[in-house]
Amino acid sequence: MKGRIRTITADTLAMMKRERSTFVTSTLGTLLMCFGIMALTIPYRFPDTGVTGLAILSNYVWGLSPAWIIAILNIVLFVWGWRQLSPRFIMWTIYVVALTTVGLKVFGLFQYPLIEETLLAAILGGVIKGLGIGLVLREGSSTGGTDIVAVALRKRYGVDIGMYNFYINIFILIGSYFVVGLEGVLFGGVMLYTEGIVIDSVLRSFDRRKQLFIVTGKVEKTKKFIIEELGKGATLLWGEGAYSGKDKPVLMSVLTRGQMVELKRFLAENDPAAFVIITDAAEVVGEGFRSWKDI
């Protein structure tokens, strides 16, 4: 066990050097999450979900530091699900959990001004925590807790992760009622709902691109513009005009919003008769975009 821990520690440091962007983003996201817990959750006695929710309830009931509860529960879960977890998942989760433990202690040293409107505090808490957790998840890291249980159960028994998380979080929220009361649970629900929306937005927005299908009479010139001027690739597809029955080349490319505007200007000047379909691409992985190594 000790030898494996030393190996994992060494591999974690090596991985952090290789994945510097993951390290920076996960660190920022974890610190935002810690700030959201200590400044915008505990002072208002809002409930939470997962291991963090249990740690916060322990703080409300017995005055225990959530940092230590989160650390202890995650250690127990790691021991339980050790063999089902991938090395990368283990390494980044250990880092995030360790930083969460330290971050909660550090942010707990400060006094924060209370927001008189509790609803605004719940919304702001959801935004900040959602942003933090979203940044961590975007990099393929994990905040630990129920993520460990979910991954282990899926590999062992094929348990549906979404349904599992739903039931366990409902159980924690019901238990919170006896500690924070109905009003606290309702405000906590607003915070968690906002948090979920922000997490989804973060996971989508950072990799969102525009997918374009271009039917133009100046295929070579347009292709050259995309490759040489915009620095992006394109795929040439072949179709048939339903009305004319003639073969028609179709260019397909994925661009940023700014590059899309440049291409539209190019087509307006060089081929006003061009036909373009533009759709949102929620996530793009591959050369020129997000690397497969970051997944």
Protein backbone atom coordinates (compact mmCIF):
# COMPACT_ATOMS: atom_id res chain seq x y z
CA MET A 1 0.00 0.00 0.00
CA LYS A 2 2.78 2.48 0.95
CA GLY A 3 4.67 1.71 -2.25
CA ARG A 4 1.52 2.29 -4.32
CA ILE A 5 0.88 5.60 -2.55
CA ARG A 6 4.44 6.77 -3.29
CA THR A 7 4.02 5.74 -6.93
CA ILE A 8 0.72 7.60 -7.21
CA THR A 9 2.25 10.70 -5.61
CA ALA A 10 5.14 10.69 -8.08
CA ASP A 11 2.77 10.08 -11.00
CA THR A 12 0.53 12.91 -9.80
CA LEU A 13 3.41 15.40 -9.82
CA ALA A 14 4.46 14.24 -13.28
CA MET A 15 0.88 14.53 -14.53
CA MET A 16 0.57 18.07 -13.16
CA LYS A 17 3.63 19.06 -15.17
CA ARG A 18 2.21 17.51 -18.33
CA GLU A 19 -1.26 18.93 -17.82
CA ARG A 20 -0.50 22.44 -16.67
CA SER A 21 -3.75 23.88 -17.97
CA THR A 22 -5.68 21.22 -16.04
CA PHE A 23 -3.67 22.07 -12.93
CA VAL A 24 -4.36 25.81 -13.20
CA THR A 25 -8.05 25.45 -14.06
CA SER A 26 -8.70 22.78 -11.41
CA THR A 27 -6.95 24.91 -8.79
CA LEU A 28 -8.99 27.99 -9.65
CA GLY A 29 -12.23 26.00 -9.74
CA THR A 30 -11.53 24.31 -6.40
CA LEU A 31 -10.76 27.63 -4.68
CA LEU A 32 -13.96 29.18 -6.06
CA MET A 33 -15.92 26.21 -4.73
CA CYS A 34 -14.28 26.56 -1.28
CA PHE A 35 -15.08 30.27 -1.20
CA GLY A 36 -18.69 29.56 -2.14
CA ILE A 37 -19.01 27.07 0.72
CA MET A 38 -17.40 29.20 3.44
CA ALA A 39 -18.73 32.63 2.38
CA LEU A 40 -22.10 31.90 0.79
CA THR A 41 -23.35 28.57 2.14
CA ILE A 42 -22.43 27.99 5.78
CA PRO A 43 -23.12 31.58 7.01
CA TYR A 44 -26.72 31.25 5.75
CA ARG A 45 -27.18 27.63 6.90
CA PHE A 46 -27.94 26.46 3.37
CA PRO A 47 -27.86 22.70 2.79
CA ASP A 48 -25.77 21.06 0.08
CA THR A 49 -25.55 17.65 -1.57
CA GLY A 50 -23.10 14.76 -1.64
CA VAL A 51 -20.17 14.52 0.76
CA THR A 52 -20.05 18.32 0.96
CA GLY A 53 -23.68 18.28 2.11
CA LEU A 54 -22.89 15.77 4.87
CA ALA A 55 -19.87 17.83 5.94
CA ILE A 56 -21.95 21.01 6.11
CA LEU A 57 -24.68 19.30 8.12
CA SER A 58 -22.00 18.05 10.54
CA ASN A 59 -20.88 21.65 10.94
CA TYR A 60 -24.42 22.83 11.67
CA VAL A 61 -25.15 20.07 14.18
CA TRP A 62 -21.82 19.50 15.95
CA GLY A 63 -19.70 22.49 14.88
CA LEU A 64 -17.18 20.23 13.10
CA SER A 65 -14.95 21.70 10.42
CA PRO A 66 -16.27 20.69 6.96
CA ALA A 67 -12.67 20.48 5.75
CA TRP A 68 -11.87 17.49 7.96
CA ILE A 69 -15.19 15.74 7.30
CA ILE A 70 -14.68 16.04 3.54
CA ALA A 71 -11.11 14.73 3.84
CA ILE A 72 -12.05 11.77 6.07
CA LEU A 73 -15.10 10.72 4.02
CA ASN A 74 -13.13 10.90 0.77
CA ILE A 75 -10.33 8.77 2.22
CA VAL A 76 -12.89 6.16 3.23
CA LEU A 77 -14.45 6.24 -0.24
CA PHE A 78 -11.05 5.95 -1.92
CA VAL A 79 -10.21 2.87 0.12
CA TRP A 80 -13.58 1.35 -0.75
CA GLY A 81 -13.47 2.03 -4.51
CA TRP A 82 -9.71 1.95 -5.10
CA ARG A 83 -9.60 -0.82 -7.70
CA GLN A 84 -12.41 0.56 -9.87
CA LEU A 85 -10.88 4.00 -10.38
CA SER A 86 -8.56 4.98 -13.25
CA PRO A 87 -5.08 6.37 -12.36
CA ARG A 88 -5.88 9.80 -13.82
CA PHE A 89 -9.17 10.00 -11.94
CA ILE A 90 -7.41 9.03 -8.70
CA MET A 91 -4.58 11.53 -9.12
CA TRP A 92 -6.63 14.57 -9.97
CA THR A 93 -9.31 13.74 -7.39
CA ILE A 94 -6.66 13.40 -4.67
CA TYR A 95 -5.28 16.80 -5.63
CA VAL A 96 -8.71 18.49 -5.70
CA VAL A 97 -9.78 16.91 -2.38
CA ALA A 98 -6.48 17.88 -0.71
CA LEU A 99 -6.77 21.45 -2.01
CA THR A 100 -10.42 21.56 -0.90
CA THR A 101 -9.37 20.57 2.63
CA VAL A 102 -6.75 23.33 2.75
CA GLY A 103 -8.94 25.88 0.97
CA LEU A 104 -11.87 25.45 3.36
CA LYS A 105 -9.57 25.96 6.34
CA VAL A 106 -8.02 29.09 4.80
CA PHE A 107 -11.32 30.67 3.71
CA GLY A 108 -12.75 29.81 7.12
CA LEU A 109 -10.30 32.25 8.72
CA PHE A 110 -12.11 35.28 7.30
CA GLN A 111 -15.33 37.06 8.18
CA TYR A 112 -17.63 37.82 5.25
CA PRO A 113 -20.30 40.52 5.02
CA LEU A 114 -23.79 39.06 5.10
CA ILE A 115 -26.18 39.76 2.23
CA GLU A 116 -29.48 40.90 3.70
CA GLU A 117 -31.56 39.37 0.91
CA THR A 118 -31.19 35.62 1.49
CA LEU A 119 -32.45 34.74 -1.99
CA LEU A 120 -29.67 36.79 -3.58
CA ALA A 121 -27.13 35.03 -1.37
CA ALA A 122 -28.47 31.65 -2.52
CA ILE A 123 -28.27 32.64 -6.19
CA LEU A 124 -24.77 34.11 -5.83
CA GLY A 125 -23.61 31.03 -3.94
CA GLY A 126 -24.95 28.81 -6.72
CA VAL A 127 -23.21 30.87 -9.39
CA ILE A 128 -19.81 30.86 -7.68
CA LYS A 129 -19.91 27.19 -6.67
CA GLY A 130 -21.28 26.17 -10.07
CA LEU A 131 -18.49 28.06 -11.81
CA GLY A 132 -15.88 26.41 -9.60
CA ILE A 133 -17.23 22.88 -9.95
CA GLY A 134 -17.78 23.38 -13.68
CA LEU A 135 -14.14 24.36 -14.19
CA VAL A 136 -12.99 21.27 -12.29
CA LEU A 137 -15.27 18.92 -14.24
CA ARG A 138 -14.38 20.55 -17.57
CA GLU A 139 -10.77 19.45 -17.14
CA GLY A 140 -11.73 15.85 -16.46
CA SER A 141 -11.01 16.22 -12.75
CA SER A 142 -13.39 15.35 -9.93
CA THR A 143 -14.40 16.91 -6.63
CA GLY A 144 -14.47 13.42 -5.10
CA GLY A 145 -17.28 12.35 -2.79
CA THR A 146 -20.21 10.75 -4.58
CA ASP A 147 -18.26 10.84 -7.86
CA ILE A 148 -16.02 8.11 -6.42
CA VAL A 149 -19.01 6.01 -5.38
CA ALA A 150 -20.77 6.53 -8.70
CA VAL A 151 -17.77 5.53 -10.82
CA ALA A 152 -17.05 2.48 -8.63
CA LEU A 153 -20.69 1.30 -8.66
CA ARG A 154 -20.95 1.75 -12.41
CA LYS A 155 -17.86 -0.41 -13.00
CA ARG A 156 -18.87 -3.04 -10.41
CA TYR A 157 -22.59 -3.37 -10.96
CA GLY A 158 -23.50 -1.15 -13.94
CA VAL A 159 -25.46 1.26 -11.73
CA ASP A 160 -26.89 4.32 -13.48
CA ILE A 161 -24.83 7.27 -12.16
CA GLY A 162 -27.43 9.97 -12.75
CA MET A 163 -30.17 8.05 -10.95
CA TYR A 164 -27.82 7.13 -8.10
CA ASN A 165 -26.77 10.75 -7.52
CA PHE A 166 -30.40 11.87 -7.67
CA TYR A 167 -31.54 9.50 -4.93
CA ILE A 168 -28.61 10.07 -2.59
CA ASN A 169 -28.90 13.86 -2.93
CA ILE A 170 -32.65 13.74 -2.28
CA PHE A 171 -31.91 11.70 0.86
CA ILE A 172 -29.39 14.31 2.07
CA LEU A 173 -31.76 17.20 1.37
CA ILE A 174 -34.58 15.47 3.28
CA GLY A 175 -32.20 14.99 6.20
CA SER A 176 -31.29 18.69 5.98
CA TYR A 177 -34.90 19.61 6.70
CA PHE A 178 -34.55 18.45 10.31
CA VAL A 179 -31.49 20.69 10.74
CA VAL A 180 -32.14 23.87 8.75
CA GLY A 181 -35.93 23.79 8.45
CA LEU A 182 -38.18 24.08 5.42
CA GLU A 183 -37.12 27.62 4.52
CA GLY A 184 -33.45 26.65 4.60
CA VAL A 185 -34.10 23.65 2.35
CA LEU A 186 -36.01 25.84 -0.13
CA PHE A 187 -33.23 28.42 -0.30
CA GLY A 188 -30.72 25.59 -0.59
CA GLY A 189 -32.76 24.19 -3.47
CA VAL A 190 -32.52 27.55 -5.26
CA MET A 191 -28.76 27.57 -4.73
CA LEU A 192 -28.37 24.00 -6.01
CA TYR A 193 -30.60 24.64 -9.02
CA THR A 194 -28.54 27.73 -9.93
CA GLU A 195 -25.36 25.74 -9.35
CA GLY A 196 -26.51 23.02 -11.76
CA ILE A 197 -27.37 25.54 -14.49
CA VAL A 198 -23.98 27.24 -14.17
CA ILE A 199 -22.11 23.91 -14.22
CA ASP A 200 -23.88 22.93 -17.44
CA SER A 201 -23.17 26.35 -18.96
CA VAL A 202 -19.48 26.16 -18.08
CA LEU A 203 -19.14 22.67 -19.56
CA ARG A 204 -20.81 23.80 -22.80
CA SER A 205 -19.59 27.36 -23.26
CA PHE A 206 -15.83 26.87 -23.16
CA ASP A 207 -15.84 24.47 -26.11
CA ARG A 208 -18.76 25.90 -28.06
CA ARG A 209 -18.02 26.53 -31.73
CA LYS A 210 -19.96 27.16 -34.92
CA GLN A 211 -20.41 24.36 -37.42
CA LEU A 212 -20.86 25.54 -41.01
CA PHE A 213 -22.06 23.76 -44.13
CA ILE A 214 -21.19 25.88 -47.18
CA VAL A 215 -22.52 25.41 -50.70
CA THR A 216 -20.56 27.74 -52.96
CA GLY A 217 -19.56 28.03 -56.57
CA LYS A 218 -16.07 29.04 -55.48
CA VAL A 219 -15.09 25.98 -53.49
CA GLU A 220 -11.33 26.18 -53.99
CA LYS A 221 -11.14 29.86 -53.12
CA THR A 222 -13.32 29.39 -50.03
CA LYS A 223 -11.35 26.32 -48.92
CA LYS A 224 -8.09 28.25 -49.32
CA PHE A 225 -9.47 31.13 -47.24
CA ILE A 226 -10.51 28.79 -44.40
CA ILE A 227 -7.16 26.99 -44.34
CA GLU A 228 -4.73 29.85 -44.99
CA GLU A 229 -6.50 32.93 -43.60
CA LEU A 230 -8.48 31.42 -40.72
CA GLY A 231 -6.00 28.66 -39.91
CA LYS A 232 -8.72 26.01 -39.68
CA GLY A 233 -9.47 22.79 -41.52
CA ALA A 234 -12.42 21.87 -43.67
CA THR A 235 -13.99 18.68 -45.01
CA LEU A 236 -15.26 18.43 -48.57
CA LEU A 237 -18.54 16.52 -48.84
CA TRP A 238 -20.39 15.63 -52.01
CA GLY A 239 -24.11 16.02 -52.42
CA GLU A 240 -26.69 16.28 -55.15
CA GLY A 241 -29.01 19.19 -55.73
CA ALA A 242 -32.59 18.00 -55.30
CA TYR A 243 -33.89 20.46 -57.91
CA SER A 244 -31.04 20.51 -60.41
CA GLY A 245 -29.92 16.91 -59.99
CA LYS A 246 -26.31 18.10 -60.31
CA ASP A 247 -23.42 17.14 -58.05
CA LYS A 248 -22.66 19.84 -55.51
CA PRO A 249 -19.56 20.02 -53.29
CA VAL A 250 -20.29 21.03 -49.70
CA LEU A 251 -17.64 22.42 -47.38
CA MET A 252 -17.99 21.55 -43.70
CA SER A 253 -15.91 23.42 -41.14
CA VAL A 254 -15.96 24.22 -37.40
CA LEU A 255 -14.98 27.77 -36.48
CA THR A 256 -15.04 30.21 -33.58
CA ARG A 257 -17.63 33.00 -33.62
CA GLY A 258 -15.03 35.53 -34.80
CA GLN A 259 -13.82 33.25 -37.60
CA MET A 260 -17.42 32.64 -38.64
CA VAL A 261 -17.97 36.39 -39.05
CA GLU A 262 -14.81 36.69 -41.16
CA LEU A 263 -15.94 33.84 -43.41
CA LYS A 264 -19.38 35.40 -43.86
CA ARG A 265 -17.75 38.68 -44.91
CA PHE A 266 -15.51 36.79 -47.35
CA LEU A 267 -18.50 35.04 -48.92
CA ALA A 268 -20.51 38.28 -49.09
CA GLU A 269 -17.70 39.85 -51.11
CA ASN A 270 -16.69 36.88 -53.26
CA ASP A 271 -19.82 34.73 -53.68
CA PRO A 272 -23.12 36.42 -52.71
CA ALA A 273 -24.95 33.42 -54.14
CA ALA A 274 -23.39 31.05 -51.59
CA PHE A 275 -25.70 29.05 -49.32
CA VAL A 276 -24.55 28.60 -45.69
CA ILE A 277 -26.05 26.66 -42.78
CA ILE A 278 -24.69 27.61 -39.34
CA THR A 279 -25.34 25.60 -36.18
CA ASP A 280 -23.93 25.51 -32.65
CA ALA A 281 -21.41 22.78 -31.85
CA ALA A 282 -21.60 22.28 -28.07
CA GLU A 283 -18.19 20.61 -27.86
CA VAL A 284 -15.35 20.00 -30.31
CA VAL A 285 -12.50 17.60 -29.58
CA GLY A 286 -9.56 17.04 -31.91
CA GLU A 287 -6.69 18.79 -33.64
CA GLY A 288 -7.01 22.56 -33.49
CA PHE A 289 -9.50 22.40 -30.62
CA ARG A 290 -9.60 20.61 -27.28
CA SER A 291 -7.03 17.82 -27.08
CA TRP A 292 -8.02 14.18 -26.49
CA LYS A 293 -5.35 14.13 -23.76
CA ASP A 294 -7.51 16.50 -21.69
CA ILE A 295 -10.52 14.17 -21.72
